[in-house]
Amino acid sequence: MKANRGTVKPSANFSASADAEVLHKAMKGLGTDEDAILQLVTARSNAQRQEIKASFKTLYGKDLIDDLKGELGGKFETLIVALMTPPITYDVTSLRNAIKGAGTDEKVLVEILASRTSQQVKQIVAAYKQEYDDDLEKDITGDTSGHFQRLLVILLQANRQTGIQAESIESDAQALFKAGEQKFGTDEQSFVTILGNRSAEHLRKVFDAYMKLSGYEIEESIKRETSGNLKDLLLAVGMCSRRLPEVILLSLGAGTDDNTLIRVMVTRSEVDLLDIRAQFRRLFACSLHSMIKGDAGGDYRKALLALCGGDDA
């Protein structure tokens, strides 16, 4: 997983107090200068935005987020507030909404828990407890079932092995082959245990061995042997071990809803949005840039395009 494949980089000549002043001025008096707000916020890293927030309070004795919520509206407000939120806090809120909303949004659980590092998952679990005084694992198990639930619980333990266990590559590949292609019916537990506990580097080697053994890519077997939410989660974990962008693309697929689009643009803009853009162009008939242009409007569209950072026409 390569960091720094993001479209948003820290601003070089950064002054938190100067930026706080710009934002204050944009919201002062009659009307709001949305353009000034979006140009500034999308051109700063999340760490810099946190400094601006602190500086704003020091200078004006007011909470920047409260002011933004008071001045902005709709999806544009949602996007700007999301960008101003620390990443772990944002993941925690997204998971909470996915569990506590009307019906569970499994897509959010899959996307976040499959694509975050063990360290990040540990921070998410702790922050969730602090914020809501609830146990994330308990909340998730209350809303899910079966092997899908078991794999989510394994991922929540954040105890993945590190490095490559050379001696078990072949036996892991054999176990997956026996559990799926070679068996009448499927032994989902083997898939869940192996994909949930091995490191990304180890799984890459296992999947190569699996291909030699079975003649199939692991993704093909998962699609054939499992279904529903479990299939999506196994695919996401499998893809994350190889090429992270694809798990995000599962979320971004045809007919993207705004919540997903905002979540992906916010959480990946400093991580791997360049890779997501390239992959999006390969998989769909248009670029991410042109999809946003066609689907969104107004300041919301301008801000999304600024985060997107270019067209891959």
C-alpha atoms as a PDB file:
ATOM      1  CA  MET A   1       0.000   0.000   0.000  1.00  0.00           C
ATOM      2  CA  LYS A   2       1.758   3.158  -1.173  1.00  0.00           C
ATOM      3  CA  ALA A   3       1.009   6.309   0.702  1.00  0.00           C
ATOM      4  CA  ASN A   4       1.278   9.677  -1.080  1.00  0.00           C
ATOM      5  CA  ARG A   5      -0.696   8.676  -4.174  1.00  0.00           C
ATOM      6  CA  GLY A   6      -3.181  11.316  -3.106  1.00  0.00           C
ATOM      7  CA  THR A   7      -4.340  14.378  -5.020  1.00  0.00           C
ATOM      8  CA  VAL A   8      -4.236  16.633  -1.948  1.00  0.00           C
ATOM      9  CA  LYS A   9      -0.819  17.604  -0.616  1.00  0.00           C
ATOM     10  CA  PRO A  10       0.055  19.845   2.347  1.00  0.00           C
ATOM     11  CA  SER A  11       0.257  23.501   1.368  1.00  0.00           C
ATOM     12  CA  ALA A  12       3.886  24.703   1.271  1.00  0.00           C
ATOM     13  CA  ASN A  13       3.593  28.259   2.616  1.00  0.00           C
ATOM     14  CA  PHE A  14       1.110  27.420   5.292  1.00  0.00           C
ATOM     15  CA  SER A  15      -0.134  29.803   7.964  1.00  0.00           C
ATOM     16  CA  ALA A  16      -3.009  28.547  10.104  1.00  0.00           C
ATOM     17  CA  SER A  17      -3.882  32.052  11.329  1.00  0.00           C
ATOM     18  CA  ALA A  18      -3.849  33.556   7.817  1.00  0.00           C
ATOM     19  CA  ASP A  19      -6.142  30.752   6.624  1.00  0.00           C
ATOM     20  CA  ALA A  20      -8.424  31.212   9.634  1.00  0.00           C
ATOM     21  CA  GLU A  21      -8.723  34.894   8.694  1.00  0.00           C
ATOM     22  CA  VAL A  22      -9.627  34.032   5.088  1.00  0.00           C
ATOM     23  CA  LEU A  23     -12.391  31.699   6.295  1.00  0.00           C
ATOM     24  CA  HIS A  24     -13.646  34.231   8.831  1.00  0.00           C
ATOM     25  CA  LYS A  25     -13.827  36.915   6.151  1.00  0.00           C
ATOM     26  CA  ALA A  26     -15.625  34.503   3.774  1.00  0.00           C
ATOM     27  CA  MET A  27     -18.388  34.019   6.353  1.00  0.00           C
ATOM     28  CA  LYS A  28     -18.605  37.562   7.748  1.00  0.00           C
ATOM     29  CA  GLY A  29     -21.407  39.981   6.934  1.00  0.00           C
ATOM     30  CA  LEU A  30     -24.087  39.381   4.343  1.00  0.00           C
ATOM     31  CA  GLY A  31     -23.742  36.332   2.157  1.00  0.00           C
ATOM     32  CA  THR A  32     -21.001  33.727   2.175  1.00  0.00           C
ATOM     33  CA  ASP A  33     -18.032  33.446  -0.172  1.00  0.00           C
ATOM     34  CA  GLU A  34     -18.357  29.707  -0.841  1.00  0.00           C
ATOM     35  CA  ASP A  35     -15.674  29.855  -3.492  1.00  0.00           C
ATOM     36  CA  ALA A  36     -13.048  31.163  -1.059  1.00  0.00           C
ATOM     37  CA  ILE A  37     -13.981  28.423   1.417  1.00  0.00           C
ATOM     38  CA  LEU A  38     -13.762  25.553  -1.056  1.00  0.00           C
ATOM     39  CA  GLN A  39     -10.551  26.813  -2.697  1.00  0.00           C
ATOM     40  CA  LEU A  40      -8.840  26.953   0.681  1.00  0.00           C
ATOM     41  CA  VAL A  41     -10.164  23.784   2.306  1.00  0.00           C
ATOM     42  CA  THR A  42      -9.467  21.508  -0.687  1.00  0.00           C
ATOM     43  CA  ALA A  43      -5.892  22.838  -0.964  1.00  0.00           C
ATOM     44  CA  ARG A  44      -4.845  21.943   2.601  1.00  0.00           C
ATOM     45  CA  SER A  45      -4.006  18.581   4.151  1.00  0.00           C
ATOM     46  CA  ASN A  46      -6.200  17.262   6.948  1.00  0.00           C
ATOM     47  CA  ALA A  47      -3.477  17.959   9.520  1.00  0.00           C
ATOM     48  CA  GLN A  48      -3.333  21.581   8.319  1.00  0.00           C
ATOM     49  CA  ARG A  49      -7.125  21.874   8.525  1.00  0.00           C
ATOM     50  CA  GLN A  50      -6.947  20.829  12.188  1.00  0.00           C
ATOM     51  CA  GLU A  51      -4.446  23.649  12.830  1.00  0.00           C
ATOM     52  CA  ILE A  52      -6.754  26.122  11.066  1.00  0.00           C
ATOM     53  CA  LYS A  53      -9.621  24.980  13.296  1.00  0.00           C
ATOM     54  CA  ALA A  54      -7.537  25.585  16.444  1.00  0.00           C
ATOM     55  CA  SER A  55      -6.337  28.961  15.169  1.00  0.00           C
ATOM     56  CA  PHE A  56      -9.900  30.029  14.299  1.00  0.00           C
ATOM     57  CA  LYS A  57     -11.024  29.384  17.871  1.00  0.00           C
ATOM     58  CA  THR A  58      -8.006  31.229  19.286  1.00  0.00           C
ATOM     59  CA  LEU A  59      -8.595  34.268  17.081  1.00  0.00           C
ATOM     60  CA  TYR A  60     -12.388  34.531  17.188  1.00  0.00           C
ATOM     61  CA  GLY A  61     -13.542  32.494  20.190  1.00  0.00           C
ATOM     62  CA  LYS A  62     -15.860  30.487  17.923  1.00  0.00           C
ATOM     63  CA  ASP A  63     -15.951  26.940  16.600  1.00  0.00           C
ATOM     64  CA  LEU A  64     -15.108  26.831  12.883  1.00  0.00           C
ATOM     65  CA  ILE A  65     -17.265  23.754  12.234  1.00  0.00           C
ATOM     66  CA  ASP A  66     -20.297  25.417  13.869  1.00  0.00           C
ATOM     67  CA  ASP A  67     -19.767  28.522  11.741  1.00  0.00           C
ATOM     68  CA  LEU A  68     -19.418  26.473   8.539  1.00  0.00           C
ATOM     69  CA  LYS A  69     -22.603  24.544   9.377  1.00  0.00           C
ATOM     70  CA  GLY A  70     -24.406  27.835   9.970  1.00  0.00           C
ATOM     71  CA  GLU A  71     -23.281  29.349   6.660  1.00  0.00           C
ATOM     72  CA  LEU A  72     -23.305  26.400   4.253  1.00  0.00           C
ATOM     73  CA  GLY A  73     -26.007  23.926   3.317  1.00  0.00           C
ATOM     74  CA  GLY A  74     -26.779  20.622   1.635  1.00  0.00           C
ATOM     75  CA  LYS A  75     -24.181  18.282   0.194  1.00  0.00           C
ATOM     76  CA  PHE A  76     -21.602  21.067  -0.036  1.00  0.00           C
ATOM     77  CA  GLU A  77     -21.805  21.524   3.734  1.00  0.00           C
ATOM     78  CA  THR A  78     -21.537  17.769   4.300  1.00  0.00           C
ATOM     79  CA  LEU A  79     -18.397  17.618   2.133  1.00  0.00           C
ATOM     80  CA  ILE A  80     -16.645  20.625   3.708  1.00  0.00           C
ATOM     81  CA  VAL A  81     -17.427  19.478   7.265  1.00  0.00           C
ATOM     82  CA  ALA A  82     -16.149  15.983   6.372  1.00  0.00           C
ATOM     83  CA  LEU A  83     -12.894  17.480   5.071  1.00  0.00           C
ATOM     84  CA  MET A  84     -12.481  19.416   8.326  1.00  0.00           C
ATOM     85  CA  THR A  85     -12.893  16.236  10.438  1.00  0.00           C
ATOM     86  CA  PRO A  86      -9.859  14.166  11.580  1.00  0.00           C
ATOM     87  CA  PRO A  87      -9.711  10.853   9.603  1.00  0.00           C
ATOM     88  CA  ILE A  88     -10.267   8.483  12.556  1.00  0.00           C
ATOM     89  CA  THR A  89     -13.207  10.573  13.816  1.00  0.00           C
ATOM     90  CA  TYR A  90     -14.668  10.548  10.312  1.00  0.00           C
ATOM     91  CA  ASP A  91     -14.393   6.742  10.057  1.00  0.00           C
ATOM     92  CA  VAL A  92     -16.007   6.380  13.496  1.00  0.00           C
ATOM     93  CA  THR A  93     -18.945   8.610  12.504  1.00  0.00           C
ATOM     94  CA  SER A  94     -19.351   6.777   9.176  1.00  0.00           C
ATOM     95  CA  LEU A  95     -19.463   3.400  10.949  1.00  0.00           C
ATOM     96  CA  ARG A  96     -21.904   4.675  13.569  1.00  0.00           C
ATOM     97  CA  ASN A  97     -24.264   6.009  10.890  1.00  0.00           C
ATOM     98  CA  ALA A  98     -23.947   2.744   8.947  1.00  0.00           C
ATOM     99  CA  ILE A  99     -24.975   0.702  11.998  1.00  0.00           C
ATOM    100  CA  LYS A 100     -27.505   3.006  13.624  1.00  0.00           C
ATOM    101  CA  GLY A 101     -29.251   4.270  10.501  1.00  0.00           C
ATOM    102  CA  ALA A 102     -32.427   2.726   9.117  1.00  0.00           C
ATOM    103  CA  GLY A 103     -31.126  -0.743   8.277  1.00  0.00           C
ATOM    104  CA  THR A 104     -27.399  -1.488   8.271  1.00  0.00           C
ATOM    105  CA  ASP A 105     -25.275  -0.066   5.446  1.00  0.00           C
ATOM    106  CA  GLU A 106     -23.018  -3.093   4.972  1.00  0.00           C
ATOM    107  CA  LYS A 107     -21.124  -1.383   2.152  1.00  0.00           C
ATOM    108  CA  VAL A 108     -19.622   1.096   4.641  1.00  0.00           C
ATOM    109  CA  LEU A 109     -18.569  -1.677   7.048  1.00  0.00           C
ATOM    110  CA  VAL A 110     -16.907  -3.561   4.193  1.00  0.00           C
ATOM    111  CA  GLU A 111     -15.129  -0.540   2.753  1.00  0.00           C
ATOM    112  CA  ILE A 112     -13.725   0.798   6.027  1.00  0.00           C
ATOM    113  CA  LEU A 113     -12.817  -2.421   7.840  1.00  0.00           C
ATOM    114  CA  ALA A 114     -11.266  -4.070   4.779  1.00  0.00           C
ATOM    115  CA  SER A 115      -9.139  -1.103   3.702  1.00  0.00           C
ATOM    116  CA  ARG A 116      -7.769   0.328   6.964  1.00  0.00           C
ATOM    117  CA  THR A 117      -4.508  -0.838   8.563  1.00  0.00           C
ATOM    118  CA  SER A 118      -4.500  -2.788  11.853  1.00  0.00           C
ATOM    119  CA  GLN A 119      -3.208   0.329  13.599  1.00  0.00           C
ATOM    120  CA  GLN A 120      -6.078   2.409  12.193  1.00  0.00           C
ATOM    121  CA  VAL A 121      -8.653  -0.241  13.171  1.00  0.00           C
ATOM    122  CA  LYS A 122      -7.349  -0.200  16.757  1.00  0.00           C
ATOM    123  CA  GLN A 123      -7.674   3.600  16.841  1.00  0.00           C
ATOM    124  CA  ILE A 124     -11.191   3.397  15.363  1.00  0.00           C
ATOM    125  CA  VAL A 125     -12.333   0.881  18.005  1.00  0.00           C
ATOM    126  CA  ALA A 126     -10.926   3.049  20.831  1.00  0.00           C
ATOM    127  CA  ALA A 127     -12.339   6.292  19.417  1.00  0.00           C
ATOM    128  CA  TYR A 128     -15.778   4.693  18.901  1.00  0.00           C
ATOM    129  CA  LYS A 129     -15.826   3.644  22.565  1.00  0.00           C
ATOM    130  CA  GLN A 130     -14.783   7.125  23.679  1.00  0.00           C
ATOM    131  CA  GLU A 131     -17.287   8.926  21.465  1.00  0.00           C
ATOM    132  CA  TYR A 132     -20.390   6.762  22.029  1.00  0.00           C
ATOM    133  CA  ASP A 133     -19.526   4.722  25.122  1.00  0.00           C
ATOM    134  CA  ASP A 134     -20.476   1.673  23.055  1.00  0.00           C
ATOM    135  CA  ASP A 135     -18.502  -1.337  21.936  1.00  0.00           C
ATOM    136  CA  LEU A 136     -18.061  -1.269  18.134  1.00  0.00           C
ATOM    137  CA  GLU A 137     -17.784  -5.055  17.945  1.00  0.00           C
ATOM    138  CA  LYS A 138     -20.997  -5.495  19.920  1.00  0.00           C
ATOM    139  CA  ASP A 139     -22.832  -2.969  17.749  1.00  0.00           C
ATOM    140  CA  ILE A 140     -21.635  -4.684  14.570  1.00  0.00           C
ATOM    141  CA  THR A 141     -22.443  -8.218  15.763  1.00  0.00           C
ATOM    142  CA  GLY A 142     -25.909  -7.035  16.802  1.00  0.00           C
ATOM    143  CA  ASP A 143     -26.567  -6.004  13.198  1.00  0.00           C
ATOM    144  CA  THR A 144     -24.867  -8.779  11.202  1.00  0.00           C
ATOM    145  CA  SER A 145     -24.795 -12.572  11.095  1.00  0.00           C
ATOM    146  CA  GLY A 146     -23.081 -15.682   9.791  1.00  0.00           C
ATOM    147  CA  HIS A 147     -19.620 -15.798   8.246  1.00  0.00           C
ATOM    148  CA  PHE A 148     -19.933 -12.144   7.234  1.00  0.00           C
ATOM    149  CA  GLN A 149     -20.180 -11.274  10.929  1.00  0.00           C
ATOM    150  CA  ARG A 150     -17.281 -13.601  11.811  1.00  0.00           C
ATOM    151  CA  LEU A 151     -14.948 -11.984   9.286  1.00  0.00           C
ATOM    152  CA  LEU A 152     -15.881  -8.489  10.493  1.00  0.00           C
ATOM    153  CA  VAL A 153     -15.101  -9.599  14.064  1.00  0.00           C
ATOM    154  CA  ILE A 154     -11.715 -10.985  12.960  1.00  0.00           C
ATOM    155  CA  LEU A 155     -10.886  -7.682  11.210  1.00  0.00           C
ATOM    156  CA  LEU A 156     -11.932  -5.739  14.324  1.00  0.00           C
ATOM    157  CA  GLN A 157      -9.356  -7.676  16.405  1.00  0.00           C
ATOM    158  CA  ALA A 158      -6.676  -5.957  14.271  1.00  0.00           C
ATOM    159  CA  ASN A 159      -4.314  -8.866  14.966  1.00  0.00           C
ATOM    160  CA  ARG A 160      -3.253  -9.710  11.426  1.00  0.00           C
ATOM    161  CA  GLN A 161       0.062 -11.511  11.120  1.00  0.00           C
ATOM    162  CA  THR A 162       2.916  -9.397   9.805  1.00  0.00           C
ATOM    163  CA  GLY A 163       5.274 -10.337   7.009  1.00  0.00           C
ATOM    164  CA  ILE A 164       5.309 -13.549   4.985  1.00  0.00           C
ATOM    165  CA  GLN A 165       5.100 -16.995   6.613  1.00  0.00           C
ATOM    166  CA  ALA A 166       6.951 -18.841   3.845  1.00  0.00           C
ATOM    167  CA  GLU A 167       6.260 -22.266   5.344  1.00  0.00           C
ATOM    168  CA  SER A 168       2.474 -21.836   5.212  1.00  0.00           C
ATOM    169  CA  ILE A 169       2.002 -20.275   1.744  1.00  0.00           C
ATOM    170  CA  GLU A 170       1.440 -23.622   0.071  1.00  0.00           C
ATOM    171  CA  SER A 171      -0.763 -25.048   2.853  1.00  0.00           C
ATOM    172  CA  ASP A 172      -2.929 -21.889   2.900  1.00  0.00           C
ATOM    173  CA  ALA A 173      -3.410 -22.136  -0.886  1.00  0.00           C
ATOM    174  CA  GLN A 174      -4.277 -25.857  -0.518  1.00  0.00           C
ATOM    175  CA  ALA A 175      -6.752 -25.102   2.279  1.00  0.00           C
ATOM    176  CA  LEU A 176      -8.531 -22.472   0.160  1.00  0.00           C
ATOM    177  CA  PHE A 177      -8.625 -24.843  -2.812  1.00  0.00           C
ATOM    178  CA  LYS A 178     -10.068 -27.662  -0.683  1.00  0.00           C
ATOM    179  CA  ALA A 179     -12.574 -25.288   0.916  1.00  0.00           C
ATOM    180  CA  GLY A 180     -13.923 -24.040  -2.407  1.00  0.00           C
ATOM    181  CA  GLU A 181     -13.248 -25.325  -5.893  1.00  0.00           C
ATOM    182  CA  GLN A 182     -12.490 -28.899  -4.791  1.00  0.00           C
ATOM    183  CA  LYS A 183     -15.488 -29.267  -2.526  1.00  0.00           C
ATOM    184  CA  PHE A 184     -19.183 -29.790  -3.138  1.00  0.00           C
ATOM    185  CA  GLY A 185     -20.546 -26.739  -1.344  1.00  0.00           C
ATOM    186  CA  THR A 186     -18.124 -24.325   0.294  1.00  0.00           C
ATOM    187  CA  ASP A 187     -16.285 -24.285   3.601  1.00  0.00           C
ATOM    188  CA  GLU A 188     -16.597 -20.543   4.206  1.00  0.00           C
ATOM    189  CA  GLN A 189     -14.787 -20.702   7.547  1.00  0.00           C
ATOM    190  CA  SER A 190     -11.438 -21.476   5.858  1.00  0.00           C
ATOM    191  CA  PHE A 191     -11.786 -18.442   3.608  1.00  0.00           C
ATOM    192  CA  VAL A 192     -12.750 -16.268   6.580  1.00  0.00           C
ATOM    193  CA  THR A 193      -9.873 -17.424   8.807  1.00  0.00           C
ATOM    194  CA  ILE A 194      -7.128 -17.242   6.185  1.00  0.00           C
ATOM    195  CA  LEU A 195      -8.160 -13.966   4.524  1.00  0.00           C
ATOM    196  CA  GLY A 196      -8.930 -12.357   7.872  1.00  0.00           C
ATOM    197  CA  ASN A 197      -5.669 -13.225   9.640  1.00  0.00           C
ATOM    198  CA  ARG A 198      -2.821 -13.201   7.116  1.00  0.00           C
ATOM    199  CA  SER A 199      -0.834 -10.137   6.114  1.00  0.00           C
ATOM    200  CA  ALA A 200      -1.303  -8.497   2.701  1.00  0.00           C
ATOM    201  CA  GLU A 201       2.170  -9.603   1.543  1.00  0.00           C
ATOM    202  CA  HIS A 202       1.510 -13.172   2.636  1.00  0.00           C
ATOM    203  CA  LEU A 203      -1.894 -13.264   0.910  1.00  0.00           C
ATOM    204  CA  ARG A 204      -0.354 -12.037  -2.350  1.00  0.00           C
ATOM    205  CA  LYS A 205       1.931 -15.106  -2.324  1.00  0.00           C
ATOM    206  CA  VAL A 206      -0.955 -17.401  -1.320  1.00  0.00           C
ATOM    207  CA  PHE A 207      -3.115 -16.107  -4.193  1.00  0.00           C
ATOM    208  CA  ASP A 208      -0.267 -16.722  -6.690  1.00  0.00           C
ATOM    209  CA  ALA A 209       0.095 -20.284  -5.364  1.00  0.00           C
ATOM    210  CA  TYR A 210      -3.699 -20.684  -5.507  1.00  0.00           C
ATOM    211  CA  MET A 211      -3.712 -19.637  -9.164  1.00  0.00           C
ATOM    212  CA  LYS A 212      -1.058 -22.264 -10.013  1.00  0.00           C
ATOM    213  CA  LEU A 213      -2.948 -24.907  -8.072  1.00  0.00           C
ATOM    214  CA  SER A 214      -6.492 -24.270  -9.263  1.00  0.00           C
ATOM    215  CA  GLY A 215      -6.121 -22.338 -12.507  1.00  0.00           C
ATOM    216  CA  TYR A 216      -8.364 -19.606 -11.087  1.00  0.00           C
ATOM    217  CA  GLU A 217      -7.785 -16.139  -9.676  1.00  0.00           C
ATOM    218  CA  ILE A 218      -8.913 -16.071  -6.042  1.00  0.00           C
ATOM    219  CA  GLU A 219     -11.520 -13.411  -6.906  1.00  0.00           C
ATOM    220  CA  GLU A 220     -13.130 -15.739  -9.464  1.00  0.00           C
ATOM    221  CA  SER A 221     -13.418 -18.482  -6.847  1.00  0.00           C
ATOM    222  CA  ILE A 222     -14.822 -16.124  -4.205  1.00  0.00           C
ATOM    223  CA  LYS A 223     -17.486 -14.931  -6.669  1.00  0.00           C
ATOM    224  CA  ARG A 224     -18.411 -18.501  -7.530  1.00  0.00           C
ATOM    225  CA  GLU A 225     -18.241 -20.010  -4.058  1.00  0.00           C
ATOM    226  CA  THR A 226     -19.802 -17.309  -1.848  1.00  0.00           C
ATOM    227  CA  SER A 227     -22.593 -14.760  -2.084  1.00  0.00           C
ATOM    228  CA  GLY A 228     -24.075 -11.588  -0.608  1.00  0.00           C
ATOM    229  CA  ASN A 229     -22.260  -9.520   2.008  1.00  0.00           C
ATOM    230  CA  LEU A 230     -19.712 -12.256   2.715  1.00  0.00           C
ATOM    231  CA  LYS A 231     -18.718 -12.304  -0.964  1.00  0.00           C
ATOM    232  CA  ASP A 232     -18.292  -8.499  -0.972  1.00  0.00           C
ATOM    233  CA  LEU A 233     -16.177  -8.557   2.189  1.00  0.00           C
ATOM    234  CA  LEU A 234     -13.957 -11.456   1.050  1.00  0.00           C
ATOM    235  CA  LEU A 235     -13.462  -9.729  -2.311  1.00  0.00           C
ATOM    236  CA  ALA A 236     -12.619  -6.464  -0.545  1.00  0.00           C
ATOM    237  CA  VAL A 237     -10.068  -8.124   1.752  1.00  0.00           C
ATOM    238  CA  GLY A 238      -8.587 -10.043  -1.183  1.00  0.00           C
ATOM    239  CA  MET A 239      -8.348  -6.931  -3.319  1.00  0.00           C
ATOM    240  CA  CYS A 240      -6.847  -4.870  -0.499  1.00  0.00           C
ATOM    241  CA  SER A 241      -3.965  -7.277  -0.264  1.00  0.00           C
ATOM    242  CA  ARG A 242      -3.192  -6.684  -3.922  1.00  0.00           C
ATOM    243  CA  ARG A 243      -4.457  -3.340  -5.111  1.00  0.00           C
ATOM    244  CA  LEU A 244      -6.303  -1.223  -2.655  1.00  0.00           C
ATOM    245  CA  PRO A 245      -8.170   1.028  -5.104  1.00  0.00           C
ATOM    246  CA  GLU A 246     -10.478  -1.759  -6.179  1.00  0.00           C
ATOM    247  CA  VAL A 247     -12.169  -2.121  -2.819  1.00  0.00           C
ATOM    248  CA  ILE A 248     -13.012   1.567  -3.027  1.00  0.00           C
ATOM    249  CA  LEU A 249     -14.176   1.099  -6.614  1.00  0.00           C
ATOM    250  CA  LEU A 250     -16.641  -1.538  -5.421  1.00  0.00           C
ATOM    251  CA  SER A 251     -18.230   1.301  -3.462  1.00  0.00           C
ATOM    252  CA  LEU A 252     -17.918   3.781  -6.310  1.00  0.00           C
ATOM    253  CA  GLY A 253     -19.490   1.545  -8.963  1.00  0.00           C
ATOM    254  CA  ALA A 254     -22.371   2.472 -11.184  1.00  0.00           C
ATOM    255  CA  GLY A 255     -25.022   4.728  -9.696  1.00  0.00           C
ATOM    256  CA  THR A 256     -22.934   6.142  -6.868  1.00  0.00           C
ATOM    257  CA  ASP A 257     -24.838   7.774  -4.033  1.00  0.00           C
ATOM    258  CA  ASP A 258     -23.518  11.073  -2.682  1.00  0.00           C
ATOM    259  CA  ASN A 259     -22.645   9.690   0.752  1.00  0.00           C
ATOM    260  CA  THR A 260     -20.308   7.141  -0.835  1.00  0.00           C
ATOM    261  CA  LEU A 261     -18.813   9.679  -3.196  1.00  0.00           C
ATOM    262  CA  ILE A 262     -18.132  12.124  -0.351  1.00  0.00           C
ATOM    263  CA  ARG A 263     -16.667   9.375   1.855  1.00  0.00           C
ATOM    264  CA  VAL A 264     -14.324   8.139  -0.874  1.00  0.00           C
ATOM    265  CA  MET A 265     -13.163  11.599  -1.969  1.00  0.00           C
ATOM    266  CA  VAL A 266     -12.566  12.677   1.634  1.00  0.00           C
ATOM    267  CA  THR A 267     -10.853   9.534   2.947  1.00  0.00           C
ATOM    268  CA  ARG A 268      -8.706   8.750  -0.115  1.00  0.00           C
ATOM    269  CA  SER A 269      -7.722  12.263  -1.299  1.00  0.00           C
ATOM    270  CA  GLU A 270      -4.438  12.107   0.653  1.00  0.00           C
ATOM    271  CA  VAL A 271      -3.872   8.366   0.237  1.00  0.00           C
ATOM    272  CA  ASP A 272      -4.453   6.865  -3.212  1.00  0.00           C
ATOM    273  CA  LEU A 273      -6.986   8.902  -5.174  1.00  0.00           C
ATOM    274  CA  LEU A 274      -4.620   9.019  -8.179  1.00  0.00           C
ATOM    275  CA  ASP A 275      -4.704   5.199  -8.313  1.00  0.00           C
ATOM    276  CA  ILE A 276      -8.470   5.178  -7.834  1.00  0.00           C
ATOM    277  CA  ARG A 277      -8.863   7.620 -10.720  1.00  0.00           C
ATOM    278  CA  ALA A 278      -6.681   5.511 -13.029  1.00  0.00           C
ATOM    279  CA  GLN A 279      -8.499   2.313 -12.097  1.00  0.00           C
ATOM    280  CA  PHE A 280     -11.910   4.004 -12.428  1.00  0.00           C
ATOM    281  CA  ARG A 281     -11.018   5.056 -15.980  1.00  0.00           C
ATOM    282  CA  ARG A 282     -10.048   1.476 -16.854  1.00  0.00           C
ATOM    283  CA  LEU A 283     -13.193  -0.085 -15.403  1.00  0.00           C
ATOM    284  CA  PHE A 284     -15.882   2.390 -16.432  1.00  0.00           C
ATOM    285  CA  ALA A 285     -16.784   4.154 -19.640  1.00  0.00           C
ATOM    286  CA  CYS A 286     -15.768   7.557 -18.301  1.00  0.00           C
ATOM    287  CA  SER A 287     -13.288   9.234 -15.961  1.00  0.00           C
ATOM    288  CA  LEU A 288     -14.067   9.953 -12.308  1.00  0.00           C
ATOM    289  CA  HIS A 289     -13.783  13.665 -13.181  1.00  0.00           C
ATOM    290  CA  SER A 290     -16.465  13.453 -15.881  1.00  0.00           C
ATOM    291  CA  MET A 291     -18.737  11.316 -13.689  1.00  0.00           C
ATOM    292  CA  ILE A 292     -18.598  14.008 -10.988  1.00  0.00           C
ATOM    293  CA  LYS A 293     -19.153  16.724 -13.590  1.00  0.00           C
ATOM    294  CA  GLY A 294     -22.256  14.959 -14.861  1.00  0.00           C
ATOM    295  CA  ASP A 295     -23.694  13.958 -11.476  1.00  0.00           C
ATOM    296  CA  ALA A 296     -23.006  16.925  -9.187  1.00  0.00           C
ATOM    297  CA  GLY A 297     -23.718  20.639  -9.359  1.00  0.00           C
ATOM    298  CA  GLY A 298     -22.794  24.029  -7.920  1.00  0.00           C
ATOM    299  CA  ASP A 299     -20.167  24.506  -5.210  1.00  0.00           C
ATOM    300  CA  TYR A 300     -20.471  20.835  -4.301  1.00  0.00           C
ATOM    301  CA  ARG A 301     -19.294  19.919  -7.802  1.00  0.00           C
ATOM    302  CA  LYS A 302     -16.491  22.514  -7.731  1.00  0.00           C
ATOM    303  CA  ALA A 303     -15.174  21.175  -4.424  1.00  0.00           C
ATOM    304  CA  LEU A 304     -15.321  17.527  -5.579  1.00  0.00           C
ATOM    305  CA  LEU A 305     -13.493  18.398  -8.806  1.00  0.00           C
ATOM    306  CA  ALA A 306     -10.825  20.271  -6.827  1.00  0.00           C
ATOM    307  CA  LEU A 307     -10.298  17.095  -4.733  1.00  0.00           C
ATOM    308  CA  CYS A 308     -10.316  14.928  -7.843  1.00  0.00           C
ATOM    309  CA  GLY A 309      -7.444  17.048  -9.101  1.00  0.00           C
ATOM    310  CA  GLY A 310      -7.620  16.368 -12.828  1.00  0.00           C
ATOM    311  CA  ASP A 311      -9.284  14.483 -15.643  1.00  0.00           C
ATOM    312  CA  ASP A 312      -8.222  11.136 -17.101  1.00  0.00           C
ATOM    313  CA  ALA A 313     -10.133  11.571 -20.332  1.00  0.00           C
END
